[in-house]
Amino acid sequence: MKKWLKVTLGTVGGIAVTAGFLWAFLPGLPTYLYAKSKYSHINETIQEAELIHSEPGADFIEISAYGLSLKVPPEMQPYKKDDPHPHAFVTQDQPKTGVVFTQAKDPDPPFEMIAENRYTPEQVETGMRGIDLKKPENNYEFFDLTYRLTAGKFRLGKHGATPFFISMAKAKELLFDAIESAYTLETEHGKGFLLIYKFPEGNNKNYKLVAELYDKQNLNRQAQAIIASPSYDLAKQIAYSAEIVPLTEADMK
């Protein structure tokens, strides 16, 4: 056999052996390398609340809607003064600080994230075998998984986990593209996240934070408020006062 043919066959054989080895023992390595190169936020993760914790002012008053309460400066008033059940509030001075509670009317919501993301329970079960994090059992845990997912959490020795991992990596990339950072948020009655969106630039003068809590008695139930303020410190004070409260009949109408 000619020398060049022997070299070629040897090279091809070596590649085949290497590929076979990787498929048998490290099937997740290509996925790991792909995720690290494709997704710029893959190794960012949620941070602990203590890093930016801020207490509300002593004179702050409590407002609430849709199962969430916040403490705000006393000059904050309903955006619509004649609204019997307000969910938007603003200060009267300029520039204004505003709070909007988002609607979450169902007092006993199902675990929806699998259906919303077109995952079947089987896909989640298979995918989580390849991820070194707890399998989500409720809506809070599903979002917590998204924030904590990193390339290093992918188990290189598991087959079948790639589609779910890549799908979650894409979702995380979209989220972290929009925010500056994410922090844990835990209270007496709730646990969740504080999201800080990109810091103001140009004509945008407001810091935007989202306080998102899940009821500890039902971690499928989410309550959320958006806080916008030209003062970063004030926005944090309001956000860190968030607490889960019972939904009222008016909330559910």
Foldseek 3Di string as FASTA:
>chain_A
DDPVVVVVVVVVVVVVVVVVCCVQFFVCPVLLVCLVVPFVCQAAFAAACVVQAAAADPQWDWDDAQFKIWTAHPQKAAPDNPDPGGQKIWHPDPPIKIKGKDAFQDPADFQCPCVVLVHDPVLLVLQVVQFQDDRDDANQVVVNCLRHGHSVRGHRGGPPNNVVSVSSSVVSRVVCVFFPHKYWADDPFWTHIKTWGDDDDDPRQWTKIKQWTAGPVHRNGIIIMIIIDSDPNNSSNGSNRMDGDDHDPVSND
